[in-house]
Amino acid sequence: MRYAIPMSDGVVATHFGHCEQFALIDVDEARKAVVGREIIPSPGHEPGLLPVWLAEKGVSVIIASGMGSRAQNLFKQNRIRVIIGTLEGDPERAVLDYINGTLATGDNICDH
């Protein structure tokens, strides 16, 4: 399974749409282990672009701090599960915590 984590300055971005890059993290779900990691630059913030772009890259789940409701709906339309409100700053740790059922989340910090 492939996870996408929006990043800025090397940590999980607080605002999804304005991230600098994405960590694409491949996980062996049966072993609950990371088997691959790639950092790619964001193509930019254009309405509707990121859900399709990440779906084309094989992403199944996105973990973010904050994301607007329109973006959440677009991800769901592209069959990408959205986890918001993560408090974890390290992208790989966020994925590992999620697959182990221990990811700490709070409020969605994005209100649009």
PDB file of N, CA and C in Angstrom:
ATOM      1  N   MET A   1       0.855  -1.171   0.000  1.00  0.00           N
ATOM      2  CA  MET A   1       0.000   0.000   0.000  1.00  0.00           C
ATOM      3  C   MET A   1       0.898   1.231   0.000  1.00  0.00           C
ATOM      4  N   ARG A   2       0.474   2.245  -0.719  1.00  0.00           N
ATOM      5  CA  ARG A   2       1.256   3.485  -0.809  1.00  0.00           C
ATOM      6  C   ARG A   2       0.536   4.617  -0.090  1.00  0.00           C
ATOM      7  N   TYR A   3       1.283   5.307   0.756  1.00  0.00           N
ATOM      8  CA  TYR A   3       0.798   6.458   1.521  1.00  0.00           C
ATOM      9  C   TYR A   3       1.473   7.714   1.000  1.00  0.00           C
ATOM     10  N   ALA A   4       0.757   8.828   1.043  1.00  0.00           N
ATOM     11  CA  ALA A   4       1.328  10.131   0.686  1.00  0.00           C
ATOM     12  C   ALA A   4       1.217  11.048   1.890  1.00  0.00           C
ATOM     13  N   ILE A   5       2.322  11.734   2.175  1.00  0.00           N
ATOM     14  CA  ILE A   5       2.361  12.678   3.287  1.00  0.00           C
ATOM     15  C   ILE A   5       2.853  14.014   2.737  1.00  0.00           C
ATOM     16  N   PRO A   6       2.047  15.096   2.844  1.00  0.00           N
ATOM     17  CA  PRO A   6       2.502  16.405   2.388  1.00  0.00           C
ATOM     18  C   PRO A   6       3.559  16.941   3.354  1.00  0.00           C
ATOM     19  N   MET A   7       4.648  17.484   2.797  1.00  0.00           N
ATOM     20  CA  MET A   7       5.752  17.969   3.629  1.00  0.00           C
ATOM     21  C   MET A   7       6.169  19.389   3.262  1.00  0.00           C
ATOM     22  N   SER A   8       6.648  20.100   4.265  1.00  0.00           N
ATOM     23  CA  SER A   8       7.321  21.382   4.097  1.00  0.00           C
ATOM     24  C   SER A   8       8.443  21.427   5.119  1.00  0.00           C
ATOM     25  N   ASP A   9       9.597  21.867   4.686  1.00  0.00           N
ATOM     26  CA  ASP A   9      10.773  21.943   5.568  1.00  0.00           C
ATOM     27  C   ASP A   9      11.079  20.606   6.245  1.00  0.00           C
ATOM     28  N   GLY A  10      10.830  19.495   5.550  1.00  0.00           N
ATOM     29  CA  GLY A  10      11.188  18.178   6.047  1.00  0.00           C
ATOM     30  C   GLY A  10      10.230  17.543   7.039  1.00  0.00           C
ATOM     31  N   VAL A  11       9.137  18.227   7.356  1.00  0.00           N
ATOM     32  CA  VAL A  11       8.148  17.677   8.293  1.00  0.00           C
ATOM     33  C   VAL A  11       6.758  17.743   7.659  1.00  0.00           C
ATOM     34  N   VAL A  12       5.799  17.076   8.302  1.00  0.00           N
ATOM     35  CA  VAL A  12       4.427  17.093   7.792  1.00  0.00           C
ATOM     36  C   VAL A  12       3.954  18.544   7.696  1.00  0.00           C
ATOM     37  N   ALA A  13       3.483  18.927   6.520  1.00  0.00           N
ATOM     38  CA  ALA A  13       3.030  20.302   6.275  1.00  0.00           C
ATOM     39  C   ALA A  13       1.746  20.586   7.050  1.00  0.00           C
ATOM     40  N   THR A  14       1.645  21.783   7.591  1.00  0.00           N
ATOM     41  CA  THR A  14       0.432  22.143   8.320  1.00  0.00           C
ATOM     42  C   THR A  14      -0.718  22.472   7.378  1.00  0.00           C
ATOM     43  N   HIS A  15      -0.420  22.896   6.164  1.00  0.00           N
ATOM     44  CA  HIS A  15      -1.459  23.184   5.189  1.00  0.00           C
ATOM     45  C   HIS A  15      -1.203  22.348   3.951  1.00  0.00           C
ATOM     46  N   PHE A  16      -2.021  21.361   3.737  1.00  0.00           N
ATOM     47  CA  PHE A  16      -1.867  20.389   2.661  1.00  0.00           C
ATOM     48  C   PHE A  16      -1.606  21.028   1.304  1.00  0.00           C
ATOM     49  N   GLY A  17      -2.450  21.955   0.899  1.00  0.00           N
ATOM     50  CA  GLY A  17      -2.391  22.519  -0.449  1.00  0.00           C
ATOM     51  C   GLY A  17      -1.165  23.345  -0.742  1.00  0.00           C
ATOM     52  N   HIS A  18      -0.434  23.737   0.286  1.00  0.00           N
ATOM     53  CA  HIS A  18       0.739  24.580   0.077  1.00  0.00           C
ATOM     54  C   HIS A  18       2.032  23.864   0.437  1.00  0.00           C
ATOM     55  N   CYS A  19       2.016  22.534   0.435  1.00  0.00           N
ATOM     56  CA  CYS A  19       3.225  21.785   0.776  1.00  0.00           C
ATOM     57  C   CYS A  19       4.265  21.926  -0.334  1.00  0.00           C
ATOM     58  N   GLU A  20       5.522  21.707   0.038  1.00  0.00           N
ATOM     59  CA  GLU A  20       6.631  21.793  -0.915  1.00  0.00           C
ATOM     60  C   GLU A  20       6.859  20.469  -1.639  1.00  0.00           C
ATOM     61  N   GLN A  21       6.590  19.367  -0.938  1.00  0.00           N
ATOM     62  CA  GLN A  21       6.860  18.054  -1.497  1.00  0.00           C
ATOM     63  C   GLN A  21       5.977  17.008  -0.830  1.00  0.00           C
ATOM     64  N   PHE A  22       6.034  15.798  -1.372  1.00  0.00           N
ATOM     65  CA  PHE A  22       5.300  14.682  -0.799  1.00  0.00           C
ATOM     66  C   PHE A  22       6.263  13.550  -0.501  1.00  0.00           C
ATOM     67  N   ALA A  23       6.080  12.920   0.642  1.00  0.00           N
ATOM     68  CA  ALA A  23       6.759  11.663   0.931  1.00  0.00           C
ATOM     69  C   ALA A  23       5.801  10.569   0.482  1.00  0.00           C
ATOM     70  N   LEU A  24       6.240   9.730  -0.444  1.00  0.00           N
ATOM     71  CA  LEU A  24       5.466   8.566  -0.864  1.00  0.00           C
ATOM     72  C   LEU A  24       6.083   7.373  -0.154  1.00  0.00           C
ATOM     73  N   ILE A  25       5.315   6.763   0.716  1.00  0.00           N
ATOM     74  CA  ILE A  25       5.836   5.700   1.567  1.00  0.00           C
ATOM     75  C   ILE A  25       5.083   4.409   1.261  1.00  0.00           C
ATOM     76  N   ASP A  26       5.847   3.400   0.844  1.00  0.00           N
ATOM     77  CA  ASP A  26       5.284   2.093   0.523  1.00  0.00           C
ATOM     78  C   ASP A  26       5.392   1.196   1.742  1.00  0.00           C
ATOM     79  N   VAL A  27       4.281   0.511   2.055  1.00  0.00           N
ATOM     80  CA  VAL A  27       4.202  -0.302   3.263  1.00  0.00           C
ATOM     81  C   VAL A  27       3.768  -1.713   2.917  1.00  0.00           C
ATOM     82  N   ASP A  28       4.426  -2.672   3.540  1.00  0.00           N
ATOM     83  CA  ASP A  28       3.970  -4.064   3.513  1.00  0.00           C
ATOM     84  C   ASP A  28       3.002  -4.178   4.688  1.00  0.00           C
ATOM     85  N   GLU A  29       1.716  -4.189   4.376  1.00  0.00           N
ATOM     86  CA  GLU A  29       0.684  -4.171   5.422  1.00  0.00           C
ATOM     87  C   GLU A  29       0.753  -5.410   6.324  1.00  0.00           C
ATOM     88  N   ALA A  30       1.070  -6.563   5.748  1.00  0.00           N
ATOM     89  CA  ALA A  30       1.116  -7.793   6.536  1.00  0.00           C
ATOM     90  C   ALA A  30       2.214  -7.739   7.592  1.00  0.00           C
ATOM     91  N   ARG A  31       3.362  -7.196   7.220  1.00  0.00           N
ATOM     92  CA  ARG A  31       4.480  -7.092   8.166  1.00  0.00           C
ATOM     93  C   ARG A  31       4.476  -5.788   8.944  1.00  0.00           C
ATOM     94  N   LYS A  32       3.605  -4.849   8.524  1.00  0.00           N
ATOM     95  CA  LYS A  32       3.560  -3.504   9.124  1.00  0.00           C
ATOM     96  C   LYS A  32       4.944  -2.859   9.089  1.00  0.00           C
ATOM     97  N   ALA A  33       5.523  -2.875   7.880  1.00  0.00           N
ATOM     98  CA  ALA A  33       6.872  -2.351   7.711  1.00  0.00           C
ATOM     99  C   ALA A  33       6.960  -1.479   6.462  1.00  0.00           C
ATOM    100  N   VAL A  34       7.757  -0.420   6.558  1.00  0.00           N
ATOM    101  CA  VAL A  34       8.024   0.438   5.409  1.00  0.00           C
ATOM    102  C   VAL A  34       8.989  -0.308   4.491  1.00  0.00           C
ATOM    103  N   VAL A  35       8.639  -0.401   3.213  1.00  0.00           N
ATOM    104  CA  VAL A  35       9.479  -1.096   2.245  1.00  0.00           C
ATOM    105  C   VAL A  35      10.028  -0.160   1.170  1.00  0.00           C
ATOM    106  N   GLY A  36       9.609   1.101   1.198  1.00  0.00           N
ATOM    107  CA  GLY A  36      10.114   2.068   0.239  1.00  0.00           C
ATOM    108  C   GLY A  36       9.694   3.478   0.616  1.00  0.00           C
ATOM    109  N   ARG A  37      10.529   4.449   0.228  1.00  0.00           N
ATOM    110  CA  ARG A  37      10.224   5.852   0.520  1.00  0.00           C
ATOM    111  C   ARG A  37      10.815   6.702  -0.598  1.00  0.00           C
ATOM    112  N   GLU A  38       9.991   7.620  -1.086  1.00  0.00           N
ATOM    113  CA  GLU A  38      10.425   8.518  -2.150  1.00  0.00           C
ATOM    114  C   GLU A  38       9.914   9.913  -1.813  1.00  0.00           C
ATOM    115  N   ILE A  39      10.757  10.913  -1.967  1.00  0.00           N
ATOM    116  CA  ILE A  39      10.359  12.306  -1.765  1.00  0.00           C
ATOM    117  C   ILE A  39      10.273  12.949  -3.147  1.00  0.00           C
ATOM    118  N   ILE A  40       9.093  13.496  -3.453  1.00  0.00           N
ATOM    119  CA  ILE A  40       8.897  14.120  -4.760  1.00  0.00           C
ATOM    120  C   ILE A  40       8.361  15.540  -4.575  1.00  0.00           C
ATOM    121  N   PRO A  41       8.755  16.453  -5.446  1.00  0.00           N
ATOM    122  CA  PRO A  41       8.241  17.820  -5.338  1.00  0.00           C
ATOM    123  C   PRO A  41       6.756  17.889  -5.673  1.00  0.00           C
ATOM    124  N   SER A  42       6.066  18.778  -4.997  1.00  0.00           N
ATOM    125  CA  SER A  42       4.657  19.001  -5.286  1.00  0.00           C
ATOM    126  C   SER A  42       4.532  19.702  -6.638  1.00  0.00           C
ATOM    127  N   PRO A  43       3.531  19.330  -7.430  1.00  0.00           N
ATOM    128  CA  PRO A  43       3.337  20.007  -8.711  1.00  0.00           C
ATOM    129  C   PRO A  43       2.700  21.392  -8.553  1.00  0.00           C
ATOM    130  N   GLY A  44       2.369  21.761  -7.316  1.00  0.00           N
ATOM    131  CA  GLY A  44       1.757  23.066  -7.065  1.00  0.00           C
ATOM    132  C   GLY A  44       0.310  22.931  -6.648  1.00  0.00           C
ATOM    133  N   HIS A  45      -0.248  24.048  -6.240  1.00  0.00           N
ATOM    134  CA  HIS A  45      -1.615  24.064  -5.729  1.00  0.00           C
ATOM    135  C   HIS A  45      -2.550  24.563  -6.813  1.00  0.00           C
ATOM    136  N   GLU A  46      -3.262  23.621  -7.408  1.00  0.00           N
ATOM    137  CA  GLU A  46      -4.247  23.936  -8.433  1.00  0.00           C
ATOM    138  C   GLU A  46      -5.474  23.097  -8.107  1.00  0.00           C
ATOM    139  N   PRO A  47      -6.637  23.700  -7.973  1.00  0.00           N
ATOM    140  CA  PRO A  47      -7.826  22.943  -7.573  1.00  0.00           C
ATOM    141  C   PRO A  47      -8.031  21.674  -8.401  1.00  0.00           C
ATOM    142  N   GLY A  48      -8.165  20.547  -7.698  1.00  0.00           N
ATOM    143  CA  GLY A  48      -8.444  19.276  -8.342  1.00  0.00           C
ATOM    144  C   GLY A  48      -7.236  18.517  -8.872  1.00  0.00           C
ATOM    145  N   LEU A  49      -6.056  19.137  -8.924  1.00  0.00           N
ATOM    146  CA  LEU A  49      -4.876  18.508  -9.504  1.00  0.00           C
ATOM    147  C   LEU A  49      -4.297  17.407  -8.607  1.00  0.00           C
ATOM    148  N   LEU A  50      -4.084  17.699  -7.332  1.00  0.00           N
ATOM    149  CA  LEU A  50      -3.368  16.769  -6.460  1.00  0.00           C
ATOM    150  C   LEU A  50      -4.057  15.412  -6.273  1.00  0.00           C
ATOM    151  N   PRO A  51      -5.372  15.346  -6.112  1.00  0.00           N
ATOM    152  CA  PRO A  51      -5.992  14.025  -5.975  1.00  0.00           C
ATOM    153  C   PRO A  51      -5.755  13.118  -7.187  1.00  0.00           C
ATOM    154  N   VAL A  52      -5.886  13.658  -8.381  1.00  0.00           N
ATOM    155  CA  VAL A  52      -5.673  12.874  -9.597  1.00  0.00           C
ATOM    156  C   VAL A  52      -4.195  12.512  -9.723  1.00  0.00           C
ATOM    157  N   TRP A  53      -3.319  13.464  -9.489  1.00  0.00           N
ATOM    158  CA  TRP A  53      -1.872  13.264  -9.597  1.00  0.00           C
ATOM    159  C   TRP A  53      -1.403  12.173  -8.635  1.00  0.00           C
ATOM    160  N   LEU A  54      -1.865  12.224  -7.380  1.00  0.00           N
ATOM    161  CA  LEU A  54      -1.460  11.216  -6.402  1.00  0.00           C
ATOM    162  C   LEU A  54      -2.091   9.855  -6.701  1.00  0.00           C
ATOM    163  N   ALA A  55      -3.310   9.839  -7.216  1.00  0.00           N
ATOM    164  CA  ALA A  55      -3.938   8.575  -7.605  1.00  0.00           C
ATOM    165  C   ALA A  55      -3.124   7.909  -8.721  1.00  0.00           C
ATOM    166  N   GLU A  56      -2.642   8.705  -9.667  1.00  0.00           N
ATOM    167  CA  GLU A  56      -1.817   8.177 -10.753  1.00  0.00           C
ATOM    168  C   GLU A  56      -0.505   7.596 -10.241  1.00  0.00           C
ATOM    169  N   LYS A  57      -0.055   8.053  -9.087  1.00  0.00           N
ATOM    170  CA  LYS A  57       1.181   7.558  -8.480  1.00  0.00           C
ATOM    171  C   LYS A  57       0.927   6.352  -7.586  1.00  0.00           C
ATOM    172  N   GLY A  58      -0.326   5.885  -7.551  1.00  0.00           N
ATOM    173  CA  GLY A  58      -0.646   4.679  -6.807  1.00  0.00           C
ATOM    174  C   GLY A  58      -0.934   4.873  -5.330  1.00  0.00           C
ATOM    175  N   VAL A  59      -1.193   6.103  -4.922  1.00  0.00           N
ATOM    176  CA  VAL A  59      -1.465   6.391  -3.512  1.00  0.00           C
ATOM    177  C   VAL A  59      -2.842   5.867  -3.118  1.00  0.00           C
ATOM    178  N   SER A  60      -2.910   5.199  -1.959  1.00  0.00           N
ATOM    179  CA  SER A  60      -4.167   4.680  -1.414  1.00  0.00           C
ATOM    180  C   SER A  60      -4.656   5.467  -0.215  1.00  0.00           C
ATOM    181  N   VAL A  61      -3.706   6.075   0.524  1.00  0.00           N
ATOM    182  CA  VAL A  61      -4.037   6.803   1.755  1.00  0.00           C
ATOM    183  C   VAL A  61      -3.188   8.059   1.805  1.00  0.00           C
ATOM    184  N   ILE A  62      -3.792   9.171   2.229  1.00  0.00           N
ATOM    185  CA  ILE A  62      -3.038  10.391   2.491  1.00  0.00           C
ATOM    186  C   ILE A  62      -3.219  10.743   3.956  1.00  0.00           C
ATOM    187  N   ILE A  63      -2.117  11.079   4.604  1.00  0.00           N
ATOM    188  CA  ILE A  63      -2.141  11.492   6.004  1.00  0.00           C
ATOM    189  C   ILE A  63      -1.683  12.940   6.038  1.00  0.00           C
ATOM    190  N   ALA A  64      -2.495  13.831   6.606  1.00  0.00           N
ATOM    191  CA  ALA A  64      -2.190  15.257   6.611  1.00  0.00           C
ATOM    192  C   ALA A  64      -2.591  15.900   7.935  1.00  0.00           C
ATOM    193  N   SER A  65      -2.046  17.072   8.174  1.00  0.00           N
ATOM    194  CA  SER A  65      -2.459  17.848   9.352  1.00  0.00           C
ATOM    195  C   SER A  65      -3.800  18.501   9.101  1.00  0.00           C
ATOM    196  N   GLY A  66      -3.873  19.252   8.013  1.00  0.00           N
ATOM    197  CA  GLY A  66      -5.100  19.960   7.690  1.00  0.00           C
ATOM    198  C   GLY A  66      -5.392  19.899   6.202  1.00  0.00           C
ATOM    199  N   MET A  67      -6.688  19.856   5.884  1.00  0.00           N
ATOM    200  CA  MET A  67      -7.105  19.795   4.490  1.00  0.00           C
ATOM    201  C   MET A  67      -8.542  20.293   4.391  1.00  0.00           C
ATOM    202  N   GLY A  68      -8.802  21.118   3.415  1.00  0.00           N
ATOM    203  CA  GLY A  68     -10.148  21.626   3.199  1.00  0.00           C
ATOM    204  C   GLY A  68     -11.115  20.527   2.795  1.00  0.00           C
ATOM    205  N   SER A  69     -12.396  20.774   3.016  1.00  0.00           N
ATOM    206  CA  SER A  69     -13.412  19.755   2.739  1.00  0.00           C
ATOM    207  C   SER A  69     -13.514  19.432   1.251  1.00  0.00           C
ATOM    208  N   ARG A  70     -13.305  20.404   0.378  1.00  0.00           N
ATOM    209  CA  ARG A  70     -13.359  20.131  -1.066  1.00  0.00           C
ATOM    210  C   ARG A  70     -12.262  19.155  -1.463  1.00  0.00           C
ATOM    211  N   ALA A  71     -11.048  19.390  -0.970  1.00  0.00           N
ATOM    212  CA  ALA A  71      -9.938  18.484  -1.279  1.00  0.00           C
ATOM    213  C   ALA A  71     -10.221  17.089  -0.731  1.00  0.00           C
ATOM    214  N   GLN A  72     -10.770  17.004   0.466  1.00  0.00           N
ATOM    215  CA  GLN A  72     -11.098  15.696   1.048  1.00  0.00           C
ATOM    216  C   GLN A  72     -12.070  14.941   0.141  1.00  0.00           C
ATOM    217  N   ASN A  73     -13.083  15.636  -0.345  1.00  0.00           N
ATOM    218  CA  ASN A  73     -14.065  15.003  -1.233  1.00  0.00           C
ATOM    219  C   ASN A  73     -13.444  14.557  -2.551  1.00  0.00           C
ATOM    220  N   LEU A  74     -12.527  15.370  -3.090  1.00  0.00           N
ATOM    221  CA  LEU A  74     -11.861  14.997  -4.336  1.00  0.00           C
ATOM    222  C   LEU A  74     -10.983  13.767  -4.153  1.00  0.00           C
ATOM    223  N   PHE A  75     -10.328  13.659  -3.008  1.00  0.00           N
ATOM    224  CA  PHE A  75      -9.532  12.457  -2.740  1.00  0.00           C
ATOM    225  C   PHE A  75     -10.437  11.233  -2.648  1.00  0.00           C
ATOM    226  N   LYS A  76     -11.549  11.367  -1.974  1.00  0.00           N
ATOM    227  CA  LYS A  76     -12.476  10.235  -1.846  1.00  0.00           C
ATOM    228  C   LYS A  76     -13.007   9.811  -3.211  1.00  0.00           C
ATOM    229  N   GLN A  77     -13.268  10.775  -4.094  1.00  0.00           N
ATOM    230  CA  GLN A  77     -13.717  10.459  -5.449  1.00  0.00           C
ATOM    231  C   GLN A  77     -12.642   9.694  -6.230  1.00  0.00           C
ATOM    232  N   ASN A  78     -11.385   9.897  -5.861  1.00  0.00           N
ATOM    233  CA  ASN A  78     -10.272   9.202  -6.508  1.00  0.00           C
ATOM    234  C   ASN A  78      -9.847   7.963  -5.725  1.00  0.00           C
ATOM    235  N   ARG A  79     -10.707   7.519  -4.822  1.00  0.00           N
ATOM    236  CA  ARG A  79     -10.498   6.308  -4.017  1.00  0.00           C
ATOM    237  C   ARG A  79      -9.232   6.366  -3.160  1.00  0.00           C
ATOM    238  N   ILE A  80      -8.960   7.539  -2.619  1.00  0.00           N
ATOM    239  CA  ILE A  80      -7.841   7.713  -1.708  1.00  0.00           C
ATOM    240  C   ILE A  80      -8.408   8.052  -0.334  1.00  0.00           C
ATOM    241  N   ARG A  81      -8.069   7.242   0.655  1.00  0.00           N
ATOM    242  CA  ARG A  81      -8.544   7.473   2.023  1.00  0.00           C
ATOM    243  C   ARG A  81      -7.797   8.658   2.616  1.00  0.00           C
ATOM    244  N   VAL A  82      -8.515   9.518   3.324  1.00  0.00           N
ATOM    245  CA  VAL A  82      -7.945  10.730   3.895  1.00  0.00           C
ATOM    246  C   VAL A  82      -7.938  10.637   5.422  1.00  0.00           C
ATOM    247  N   ILE A  83      -6.757  10.816   6.005  1.00  0.00           N
ATOM    248  CA  ILE A  83      -6.598  10.883   7.453  1.00  0.00           C
ATOM    249  C   ILE A  83      -6.091  12.289   7.751  1.00  0.00           C
ATOM    250  N   ILE A  84      -6.857  13.050   8.507  1.00  0.00           N
ATOM    251  CA  ILE A  84      -6.436  14.428   8.795  1.00  0.00           C
ATOM    252  C   ILE A  84      -6.268  14.633  10.295  1.00  0.00           C
ATOM    253  N   GLY A  85      -5.584  15.716  10.616  1.00  0.00           N
ATOM    254  CA  GLY A  85      -5.392  16.089  12.010  1.00  0.00           C
ATOM    255  C   GLY A  85      -4.180  15.456  12.654  1.00  0.00           C
ATOM    256  N   THR A  86      -3.270  14.863  11.840  1.00  0.00           N
ATOM    257  CA  THR A  86      -2.110  14.230  12.452  1.00  0.00           C
ATOM    258  C   THR A  86      -1.288  15.233  13.243  1.00  0.00           C
ATOM    259  N   LEU A  87      -0.813  14.789  14.375  1.00  0.00           N
ATOM    260  CA  LEU A  87       0.035  15.606  15.240  1.00  0.00           C
ATOM    261  C   LEU A  87       1.504  15.216  15.076  1.00  0.00           C
ATOM    262  N   GLU A  88       1.761  14.130  14.344  1.00  0.00           N
ATOM    263  CA  GLU A  88       3.122  13.636  14.138  1.00  0.00           C
ATOM    264  C   GLU A  88       3.805  14.445  13.051  1.00  0.00           C
ATOM    265  N   GLY A  89       5.028  14.887  13.293  1.00  0.00           N
ATOM    266  CA  GLY A  89       5.765  15.685  12.323  1.00  0.00           C
ATOM    267  C   GLY A  89       6.598  14.881  11.348  1.00  0.00           C
ATOM    268  N   ASP A  90       7.007  13.676  11.746  1.00  0.00           N
ATOM    269  CA  ASP A  90       7.835  12.837  10.890  1.00  0.00           C
ATOM    270  C   ASP A  90       6.943  11.991   9.976  1.00  0.00           C
ATOM    271  N   PRO A  91       7.076  12.128   8.660  1.00  0.00           N
ATOM    272  CA  PRO A  91       6.186  11.418   7.734  1.00  0.00           C
ATOM    273  C   PRO A  91       6.200   9.894   7.903  1.00  0.00           C
ATOM    274  N   GLU A  92       7.368   9.300   7.990  1.00  0.00           N
ATOM    275  CA  GLU A  92       7.445   7.848   8.121  1.00  0.00           C
ATOM    276  C   GLU A  92       6.850   7.380   9.451  1.00  0.00           C
ATOM    277  N   ARG A  93       7.127   8.111  10.514  1.00  0.00           N
ATOM    278  CA  ARG A  93       6.565   7.761  11.825  1.00  0.00           C
ATOM    279  C   ARG A  93       5.043   7.864  11.793  1.00  0.00           C
ATOM    280  N   ALA A  94       4.506   8.869  11.079  1.00  0.00           N
ATOM    281  CA  ALA A  94       3.051   9.027  10.973  1.00  0.00           C
ATOM    282  C   ALA A  94       2.433   7.798  10.319  1.00  0.00           C
ATOM    283  N   VAL A  95       3.064   7.292   9.265  1.00  0.00           N
ATOM    284  CA  VAL A  95       2.544   6.105   8.580  1.00  0.00           C
ATOM    285  C   VAL A  95       2.624   4.887   9.488  1.00  0.00           C
ATOM    286  N   LEU A  96       3.767   4.691  10.128  1.00  0.00           N
ATOM    287  CA  LEU A  96       3.920   3.544  11.022  1.00  0.00           C
ATOM    288  C   LEU A  96       2.930   3.604  12.180  1.00  0.00           C
ATOM    289  N   ASP A  97       2.751   4.791  12.745  1.00  0.00           N
ATOM    290  CA  ASP A  97       1.772   4.931  13.828  1.00  0.00           C
ATOM    291  C   ASP A  97       0.362   4.617  13.318  1.00  0.00           C
ATOM    292  N   TYR A  98       0.045   5.076  12.116  1.00  0.00           N
ATOM    293  CA  TYR A  98      -1.283   4.819  11.551  1.00  0.00           C
ATOM    294  C   TYR A  98      -1.527   3.323  11.379  1.00  0.00           C
ATOM    295  N   ILE A  99      -0.578   2.617  10.771  1.00  0.00           N
ATOM    296  CA  ILE A  99      -0.805   1.191  10.520  1.00  0.00           C
ATOM    297  C   ILE A  99      -0.800   0.371  11.807  1.00  0.00           C
ATOM    298  N   ASN A 100      -0.210   0.922  12.860  1.00  0.00           N
ATOM    299  CA  ASN A 100      -0.218   0.251  14.159  1.00  0.00           C
ATOM    300  C   ASN A 100      -1.371   0.716  15.049  1.00  0.00           C
ATOM    301  N   GLY A 101      -2.197   1.624  14.530  1.00  0.00           N
ATOM    302  CA  GLY A 101      -3.359   2.094  15.287  1.00  0.00           C
ATOM    303  C   GLY A 101      -3.036   3.051  16.416  1.00  0.00           C
ATOM    304  N   THR A 102      -1.878   3.725  16.324  1.00  0.00           N
ATOM    305  CA  THR A 102      -1.472   4.619  17.406  1.00  0.00           C
ATOM    306  C   THR A 102      -1.264   6.071  16.954  1.00  0.00           C
ATOM    307  N   LEU A 103      -1.701   6.412  15.749  1.00  0.00           N
ATOM    308  CA  LEU A 103      -1.490   7.776  15.248  1.00  0.00           C
ATOM    309  C   LEU A 103      -2.325   8.764  16.049  1.00  0.00           C
ATOM    310  N   ALA A 104      -1.637   9.721  16.665  1.00  0.00           N
ATOM    311  CA  ALA A 104      -2.325  10.773  17.419  1.00  0.00           C
ATOM    312  C   ALA A 104      -2.858  11.814  16.443  1.00  0.00           C
ATOM    313  N   THR A 105      -4.136  12.136  16.565  1.00  0.00           N
ATOM    314  CA  THR A 105      -4.737  13.153  15.710  1.00  0.00           C
ATOM    315  C   THR A 105      -5.483  14.164  16.565  1.00  0.00           C
ATOM    316  N   GLY A 106      -5.610  15.345  16.014  1.00  0.00           N
ATOM    317  CA  GLY A 106      -6.366  16.407  16.657  1.00  0.00           C
ATOM    318  C   GLY A 106      -7.345  16.979  15.654  1.00  0.00           C
ATOM    319  N   ASP A 107      -7.670  18.235  15.830  1.00  0.00           N
ATOM    320  CA  ASP A 107      -8.588  18.903  14.921  1.00  0.00           C
ATOM    321  C   ASP A 107      -7.944  19.145  13.567  1.00  0.00           C
ATOM    322  N   ASN A 108      -8.776  19.214  12.549  1.00  0.00           N
ATOM    323  CA  ASN A 108      -8.341  19.617  11.219  1.00  0.00           C
ATOM    324  C   ASN A 108      -7.995  21.096  11.311  1.00  0.00           C
ATOM    325  N   ILE A 109      -6.734  21.427  11.083  1.00  0.00           N
ATOM    326  CA  ILE A 109      -6.329  22.834  11.246  1.00  0.00           C
ATOM    327  C   ILE A 109      -6.693  23.703  10.051  1.00  0.00           C
ATOM    328  N   CYS A 110      -7.242  23.088   9.005  1.00  0.00           N
ATOM    329  CA  CYS A 110      -7.650  23.835   7.827  1.00  0.00           C
ATOM    330  C   CYS A 110      -9.169  24.034   7.887  1.00  0.00           C
ATOM    331  N   ASP A 111      -9.594  25.267   7.787  1.00  0.00           N
ATOM    332  CA  ASP A 111     -11.032  25.535   7.957  1.00  0.00           C
ATOM    333  C   ASP A 111     -11.747  25.930   6.673  1.00  0.00           C
ATOM    334  N   HIS A 112     -11.180  25.603   5.515  1.00  0.00           N
ATOM    335  CA  HIS A 112     -11.888  25.911   4.261  1.00  0.00           C
ATOM    336  C   HIS A 112     -12.077  24.692   3.417  1.00  0.00           C
TER     337      HIS A 112
END
